N, C-alpha and C. Protein backbone atom coordinates (compact mmCIF):
# COMPACT_ATOMS: atom_id res chain seq x y z
N UNK A 1 2.70 13.07 3.42
CA UNK A 1 2.38 13.72 4.91
C UNK A 1 3.35 11.70 5.80
N UNK A 2 3.75 12.16 6.40
CA UNK A 2 4.37 11.21 7.76
C UNK A 2 3.67 10.99 8.96
N UNK A 3 2.86 10.11 9.46
CA UNK A 3 2.64 9.87 10.67
C UNK A 3 3.26 9.09 11.57
N UNK A 4 4.00 9.36 12.43
CA UNK A 4 5.15 8.45 13.53
C UNK A 4 3.99 8.42 14.79
N UNK A 5 4.03 7.50 15.42
CA UNK A 5 3.50 7.66 16.81
C UNK A 5 4.99 6.02 17.37
N UNK A 6 4.81 4.80 17.32
CA UNK A 6 6.05 4.58 17.62
C UNK A 6 6.67 3.60 17.25
N UNK A 7 8.04 3.00 16.79
CA UNK A 7 8.48 2.02 16.24
C UNK A 7 7.38 1.02 15.40
N UNK A 8 7.52 1.16 14.66
CA UNK A 8 6.93 -0.47 13.84
C UNK A 8 6.96 -0.31 11.91
N UNK A 9 6.74 -1.48 11.11
CA UNK A 9 6.64 -1.04 9.58
C UNK A 9 6.98 0.37 9.24
N UNK A 10 7.42 0.96 8.46
CA UNK A 10 7.14 1.96 7.77
C UNK A 10 6.00 1.57 5.85
N UNK A 11 5.42 2.34 5.85
CA UNK A 11 4.07 1.73 4.43
C UNK A 11 4.11 2.49 3.95
N UNK A 12 4.20 2.61 2.31
CA UNK A 12 4.26 3.78 1.73
C UNK A 12 3.27 3.53 1.16
N UNK A 13 1.55 4.26 1.20
CA UNK A 13 0.64 4.18 0.09
C UNK A 13 1.13 5.17 -0.70
N UNK A 14 -0.10 4.77 -1.86
CA UNK A 14 0.30 5.67 -3.30
C UNK A 14 -0.91 5.38 -3.67
N UNK A 15 -2.02 6.34 -3.47
CA UNK A 15 -3.58 5.59 -4.19
C UNK A 15 -3.63 7.36 -4.45
N UNK A 16 -4.07 7.73 -5.92
CA UNK A 16 -4.50 8.95 -6.09
C UNK A 16 -6.35 9.21 -6.50
N UNK A 17 -6.58 8.68 -5.16
CA UNK A 17 -7.97 9.25 -4.69
C UNK A 17 -7.97 10.07 -2.80
N UNK A 18 -8.43 11.21 -2.70
CA UNK A 18 -7.74 11.76 -1.56
C UNK A 18 -8.96 11.34 -0.54
N UNK A 19 -10.23 10.68 -1.24
CA UNK A 19 -10.58 10.18 0.13
C UNK A 19 -10.04 8.54 0.90
N UNK A 20 -9.65 8.22 -0.30
CA UNK A 20 -8.99 6.11 -0.47
C UNK A 20 -7.80 6.62 1.42
N UNK A 21 -6.84 8.03 0.97
CA UNK A 21 -5.85 8.45 1.84
C UNK A 21 -6.62 8.42 2.50
N UNK A 22 -7.68 8.78 3.25
CA UNK A 22 -7.62 9.57 4.54
C UNK A 22 -8.29 8.28 5.41
N UNK A 23 -9.19 7.53 4.15
CA UNK A 23 -9.70 5.94 4.77
C UNK A 23 -8.06 5.48 5.61
N UNK A 24 -6.72 5.13 4.71
CA UNK A 24 -6.25 4.50 5.07
C UNK A 24 -6.24 4.87 6.35
N UNK A 25 -5.47 6.86 6.07
CA UNK A 25 -4.43 7.11 7.31
C UNK A 25 -5.79 7.00 8.36
N UNK A 26 -7.41 7.14 8.21
CA UNK A 26 -7.67 6.91 9.58
C UNK A 26 -7.26 5.00 10.53
N UNK A 27 -7.63 4.41 9.40
CA UNK A 27 -7.66 3.33 9.31
C UNK A 27 -6.35 2.65 10.49
N UNK A 28 -5.06 3.49 9.99
CA UNK A 28 -4.14 2.46 10.17
C UNK A 28 -3.21 3.49 11.19
N UNK A 29 -3.64 4.61 11.25
CA UNK A 29 -2.71 5.80 11.92
C UNK A 29 -2.78 6.00 12.74
N UNK A 30 -3.16 5.39 13.77
CA UNK A 30 -2.71 4.61 15.33
C UNK A 30 -2.84 3.33 16.11
N UNK A 31 -2.27 3.13 15.79
CA UNK A 31 -0.85 1.02 15.44
C UNK A 31 0.24 1.32 15.69
N UNK A 32 0.96 2.60 15.74
CA UNK A 32 2.29 2.39 15.55
C UNK A 32 3.14 2.75 14.06
N UNK A 33 2.92 2.57 13.78
CA UNK A 33 2.78 2.07 12.21
C UNK A 33 3.67 3.92 11.71
N UNK A 34 4.55 3.79 10.94
CA UNK A 34 5.06 4.94 10.11
C UNK A 34 3.86 4.57 8.76
N UNK A 35 3.39 5.58 8.04
CA UNK A 35 2.84 5.53 6.98
C UNK A 35 3.12 6.54 6.10
N UNK A 36 3.55 7.05 5.39
CA UNK A 36 3.84 7.87 3.79
C UNK A 36 3.44 7.74 2.89
N UNK A 37 2.38 8.55 2.52
CA UNK A 37 1.80 9.05 1.24
C UNK A 37 1.79 9.47 0.36
N UNK A 38 1.82 9.06 -1.05
CA UNK A 38 2.50 9.65 -2.03
C UNK A 38 1.84 10.06 -3.10
N UNK A 39 1.55 10.84 -4.54
CA UNK A 39 0.14 10.98 -5.32
C UNK A 39 0.60 10.50 -6.20
N UNK A 40 1.75 10.62 -6.81
CA UNK A 40 1.38 10.00 -7.81
C UNK A 40 3.42 8.37 -7.58
N UNK A 41 3.00 7.58 -9.27
CA UNK A 41 4.52 6.93 -8.96
C UNK A 41 5.80 7.78 -8.73
N UNK A 42 6.40 9.22 -9.44
CA UNK A 42 7.17 9.37 -9.09
C UNK A 42 7.67 10.13 -8.22
N UNK A 43 6.28 10.49 -7.17
CA UNK A 43 5.89 10.73 -5.54
C UNK A 43 6.76 9.23 -4.32
N UNK A 44 6.27 8.06 -5.60
CA UNK A 44 6.53 6.66 -4.58
C UNK A 44 8.33 6.76 -4.72
N UNK A 45 8.67 6.79 -6.23
CA UNK A 45 10.01 6.16 -5.95
C UNK A 45 10.63 7.32 -5.26
N UNK A 46 10.83 8.55 -5.05
CA UNK A 46 11.81 9.55 -4.64
C UNK A 46 11.84 9.14 -3.02
N UNK A 47 10.53 9.33 -2.34
CA UNK A 47 10.24 9.03 -1.23
C UNK A 47 11.18 7.80 -1.16
N UNK A 48 10.66 6.74 -1.84
CA UNK A 48 11.13 5.22 -1.42
C UNK A 48 12.85 5.32 -1.83
N UNK A 49 13.60 5.85 -2.07
CA UNK A 49 14.71 5.97 -2.72
C UNK A 49 16.03 5.89 -1.44
N UNK A 50 15.44 6.47 -0.64
CA UNK A 50 16.09 6.73 0.97
C UNK A 50 16.22 4.92 1.25
N UNK A 51 14.86 4.55 0.80
CA UNK A 51 14.93 3.07 2.14
C UNK A 51 14.20 2.66 2.92
N UNK A 52 13.80 1.72 3.82
CA UNK A 52 12.50 1.72 4.88
C UNK A 52 11.39 1.91 4.29
N UNK A 53 11.34 1.06 3.21
CA UNK A 53 10.02 1.06 3.07
C UNK A 53 9.74 -0.56 3.70
N UNK A 54 9.16 -0.49 4.18
CA UNK A 54 8.61 -2.45 4.81
C UNK A 54 7.31 -3.14 3.31
N UNK A 55 5.81 -1.72 3.25
CA UNK A 55 5.32 -2.42 3.05
C UNK A 55 5.02 -1.13 2.03
N UNK A 56 4.54 -1.62 0.62
CA UNK A 56 3.66 -0.65 -0.29
C UNK A 56 2.28 -0.80 -0.29
N UNK A 57 1.27 0.28 0.28
CA UNK A 57 0.22 -0.70 -0.09
C UNK A 57 -0.20 1.14 -1.44
N UNK A 58 -0.68 -0.27 -2.81
CA UNK A 58 -0.84 1.06 -3.49
C UNK A 58 -2.38 0.21 -4.17
N UNK A 59 -2.60 0.39 -5.09
CA UNK A 59 -3.82 0.22 -6.72
C UNK A 59 -3.51 -0.52 -7.99
N UNK A 60 -3.85 -0.90 -8.31
CA UNK A 60 -3.63 -0.97 -10.11
C UNK A 60 -5.22 0.34 -10.43
N UNK A 61 -5.14 0.52 -11.65
CA UNK A 61 -6.45 1.76 -11.40
C UNK A 61 -5.60 2.70 -13.44
N UNK A 62 -6.82 3.17 -13.89
CA UNK A 62 -6.02 3.46 -14.86
C UNK A 62 -5.21 4.67 -15.05
N UNK A 63 -5.39 5.57 -13.48
CA UNK A 63 -4.26 6.61 -13.34
C UNK A 63 -2.81 5.91 -12.62
N UNK A 64 -2.66 4.86 -11.94
CA UNK A 64 -1.76 4.03 -11.56
C UNK A 64 -1.55 3.10 -11.43
N UNK A 65 -0.36 2.32 -11.86
CA UNK A 65 -0.94 1.23 -11.76
C UNK A 65 0.72 0.45 -11.02
N UNK A 66 0.18 0.10 -9.36
CA UNK A 66 0.42 -0.04 -8.32
C UNK A 66 1.72 -2.04 -8.63
N UNK A 67 1.70 -2.25 -10.34
CA UNK A 67 2.47 -3.53 -10.21
C UNK A 67 3.38 -3.66 -10.85
N UNK A 68 2.83 -1.93 -11.93
CA UNK A 68 4.90 -1.52 -12.29
C UNK A 68 5.14 -1.49 -10.74
N UNK A 69 5.06 -0.75 -10.32
CA UNK A 69 5.28 0.81 -8.68
C UNK A 69 6.24 -0.72 -8.31
N UNK A 70 4.91 -1.27 -7.81
CA UNK A 70 6.37 -2.91 -7.35
C UNK A 70 7.46 -3.02 -7.89
N UNK A 71 7.20 -3.93 -9.33
CA UNK A 71 8.31 -4.60 -9.62
C UNK A 71 9.08 -3.08 -9.19
N UNK A 72 9.23 -1.87 -9.40
CA UNK A 72 10.66 -1.23 -9.30
C UNK A 72 10.94 -0.85 -8.45
N UNK A 73 9.76 -0.51 -7.03
CA UNK A 73 10.76 -0.87 -5.61
C UNK A 73 11.14 -2.42 -5.17
N UNK A 74 10.54 -3.70 -5.13
CA UNK A 74 11.10 -4.45 -5.28
C UNK A 74 10.77 -4.63 -3.91
N UNK A 75 9.47 -4.39 -2.75
CA UNK A 75 9.27 -3.83 -2.09
C UNK A 75 8.27 -5.22 -1.39
N UNK A 76 8.00 -5.80 -0.08
CA UNK A 76 5.91 -6.15 -0.58
C UNK A 76 5.29 -4.95 -0.48
N UNK A 77 4.05 -6.59 -1.61
CA UNK A 77 3.51 -5.44 -1.67
C UNK A 77 1.86 -5.85 -1.59
N UNK A 78 0.81 -4.59 -1.01
CA UNK A 78 -0.59 -4.47 -0.32
C UNK A 78 -0.84 -3.72 -1.71
N UNK A 79 -1.94 -4.72 -2.52
CA UNK A 79 -2.63 -3.99 -3.95
C UNK A 79 -4.22 -3.84 -3.01
N UNK A 80 -4.82 -2.80 -3.40
CA UNK A 80 -5.85 -2.83 -3.09
C UNK A 80 -6.21 -2.87 -5.13
N UNK A 81 -8.31 -3.64 -4.77
CA UNK A 81 -8.65 -3.89 -6.23
C UNK A 81 -9.72 -3.95 -5.84
N UNK A 82 -10.73 -3.86 -6.94
CA UNK A 82 -12.15 -3.94 -6.81
C UNK A 82 -12.41 -4.44 -7.55
N UNK A 83 -11.39 -5.92 -8.60
CA UNK A 83 -11.26 -6.05 -8.66
C UNK A 83 -12.00 -8.09 -8.11
N UNK A 84 -12.48 -8.54 -8.26
CA UNK A 84 -12.76 -9.95 -7.79
C UNK A 84 -11.93 -10.87 -8.24
N UNK A 85 -11.52 -11.71 -9.19
CA UNK A 85 -11.26 -12.37 -9.31
C UNK A 85 -10.27 -11.60 -10.79
N UNK A 86 -9.02 -11.06 -11.44
CA UNK A 86 -8.10 -10.71 -12.62
C UNK A 86 -7.60 -11.94 -12.52
N UNK A 87 -6.80 -11.93 -13.87
CA UNK A 87 -5.87 -12.63 -13.67
C UNK A 87 -3.88 -12.67 -13.27
N UNK A 88 -4.51 -10.95 -14.38
CA UNK A 88 -3.19 -10.46 -13.41
C UNK A 88 -2.75 -10.05 -11.92
N UNK A 89 -3.78 -10.15 -11.39
CA UNK A 89 -3.89 -10.09 -9.86
C UNK A 89 -3.52 -10.90 -9.18
N UNK A 90 -3.29 -12.14 -9.11
CA UNK A 90 -3.84 -13.85 -8.86
C UNK A 90 -2.64 -13.62 -9.23
N UNK A 91 -1.96 -13.14 -10.26
CA UNK A 91 -0.32 -14.38 -10.52
C UNK A 91 0.73 -13.18 -10.16
N UNK A 92 1.06 -12.37 -9.47
CA UNK A 92 1.96 -11.81 -9.33
C UNK A 92 2.01 -12.61 -7.43
N UNK A 93 3.28 -12.31 -7.75
CA UNK A 93 4.53 -13.28 -6.06
C UNK A 93 4.48 -12.46 -5.98
N UNK A 94 4.48 -12.63 -4.07
CA UNK A 94 4.34 -12.26 -3.16
C UNK A 94 3.29 -10.80 -2.50
N UNK A 95 2.43 -10.49 -3.58
CA UNK A 95 2.05 -9.40 -3.26
C UNK A 95 -0.09 -10.03 -3.19
N UNK A 96 0.19 -9.51 -1.88
CA UNK A 96 -1.02 -9.59 -1.87
C UNK A 96 -2.13 -8.46 -1.13
N UNK A 97 -3.35 -9.23 -2.20
CA UNK A 97 -4.59 -8.98 -2.86
C UNK A 97 -5.78 -8.16 -2.00
N UNK A 98 -5.76 -7.48 -1.02
CA UNK A 98 -7.52 -7.22 -0.39
C UNK A 98 -8.59 -6.78 -1.70
N UNK A 99 -9.14 -6.36 -1.57
CA UNK A 99 -10.31 -6.80 -1.83
C UNK A 99 -11.71 -5.02 -2.11
N UNK A 100 -11.73 -3.99 -2.65
CA UNK A 100 -12.64 -3.37 -1.47
C UNK A 100 -14.25 -3.83 -1.76
N UNK A 101 -14.77 -2.97 -1.20
CA UNK A 101 -14.26 -2.94 0.12
C UNK A 101 -14.15 -3.44 1.33
N UNK A 102 -13.07 -3.10 1.68
CA UNK A 102 -12.53 -3.06 2.80
C UNK A 102 -12.99 -3.23 4.04
N UNK A 103 -11.89 -3.94 5.37
CA UNK A 103 -12.51 -3.30 6.70
C UNK A 103 -11.24 -2.96 7.54
N UNK A 104 -11.28 -2.53 8.09
CA UNK A 104 -9.93 -1.54 9.34
C UNK A 104 -9.46 -3.20 9.25
N UNK A 105 -9.85 -4.13 10.11
CA UNK A 105 -9.22 -5.28 10.52
C UNK A 105 -8.60 -5.87 9.17
N UNK A 106 -9.71 -6.31 7.81
CA UNK A 106 -8.90 -7.35 6.71
C UNK A 106 -7.70 -6.88 6.27
N UNK A 107 -7.58 -5.10 6.50
CA UNK A 107 -6.50 -4.13 5.81
C UNK A 107 -5.05 -4.87 6.68
N UNK A 108 -6.11 -4.80 8.02
CA UNK A 108 -4.14 -4.48 8.83
C UNK A 108 -3.75 -5.92 8.90
N UNK A 109 -4.79 -6.96 8.45
CA UNK A 109 -4.56 -9.17 8.25
C UNK A 109 -3.54 -8.76 7.32
N UNK A 110 -4.30 -8.42 6.43
CA UNK A 110 -3.22 -8.01 4.63
C UNK A 110 -2.25 -7.63 4.53
N UNK A 111 -2.12 -6.61 5.95
CA UNK A 111 -0.84 -5.93 6.16
C UNK A 111 -0.24 -7.11 6.23
N UNK A 112 -0.21 -7.85 7.82
CA UNK A 112 0.11 -8.86 8.50
C UNK A 112 0.54 -9.65 7.50
N UNK A 113 0.18 -10.33 6.70
CA UNK A 113 0.46 -11.22 5.92
C UNK A 113 1.97 -10.94 4.55
N UNK A 114 1.14 -9.04 4.01
CA UNK A 114 3.00 -9.25 3.20
C UNK A 114 3.53 -8.45 3.87
N UNK A 115 3.72 -8.54 5.64
CA UNK A 115 4.66 -8.43 6.16
C UNK A 115 5.36 -10.46 6.05
N UNK A 116 5.29 -11.20 6.43
CA UNK A 116 5.09 -11.65 6.69
C UNK A 116 6.00 -12.38 5.73
């Protein structure tokens, strides 16, 4: 699913939880950003193969390793995590971590930091 309202950054959202994908869609859908959703790492690699991804928004969990995906794609990354402090997340260069639960404001601010 792609939502394209007006020119802006392209954000690849890779989350395995359908409720979280819907939350992200509602939070970001009216900001003029192109939002592309992928359900798996393989889907994300296919979508990103054409280029044009400005930010990867993903997570670290048992089914999805956003760290590995970030390294593979080599794009600016925003990781969503429920962990308050975790050395592996803190050590990721160029990766912005947003803690759950998050608000629209905190998510937009984190995406801005990833784009900077």
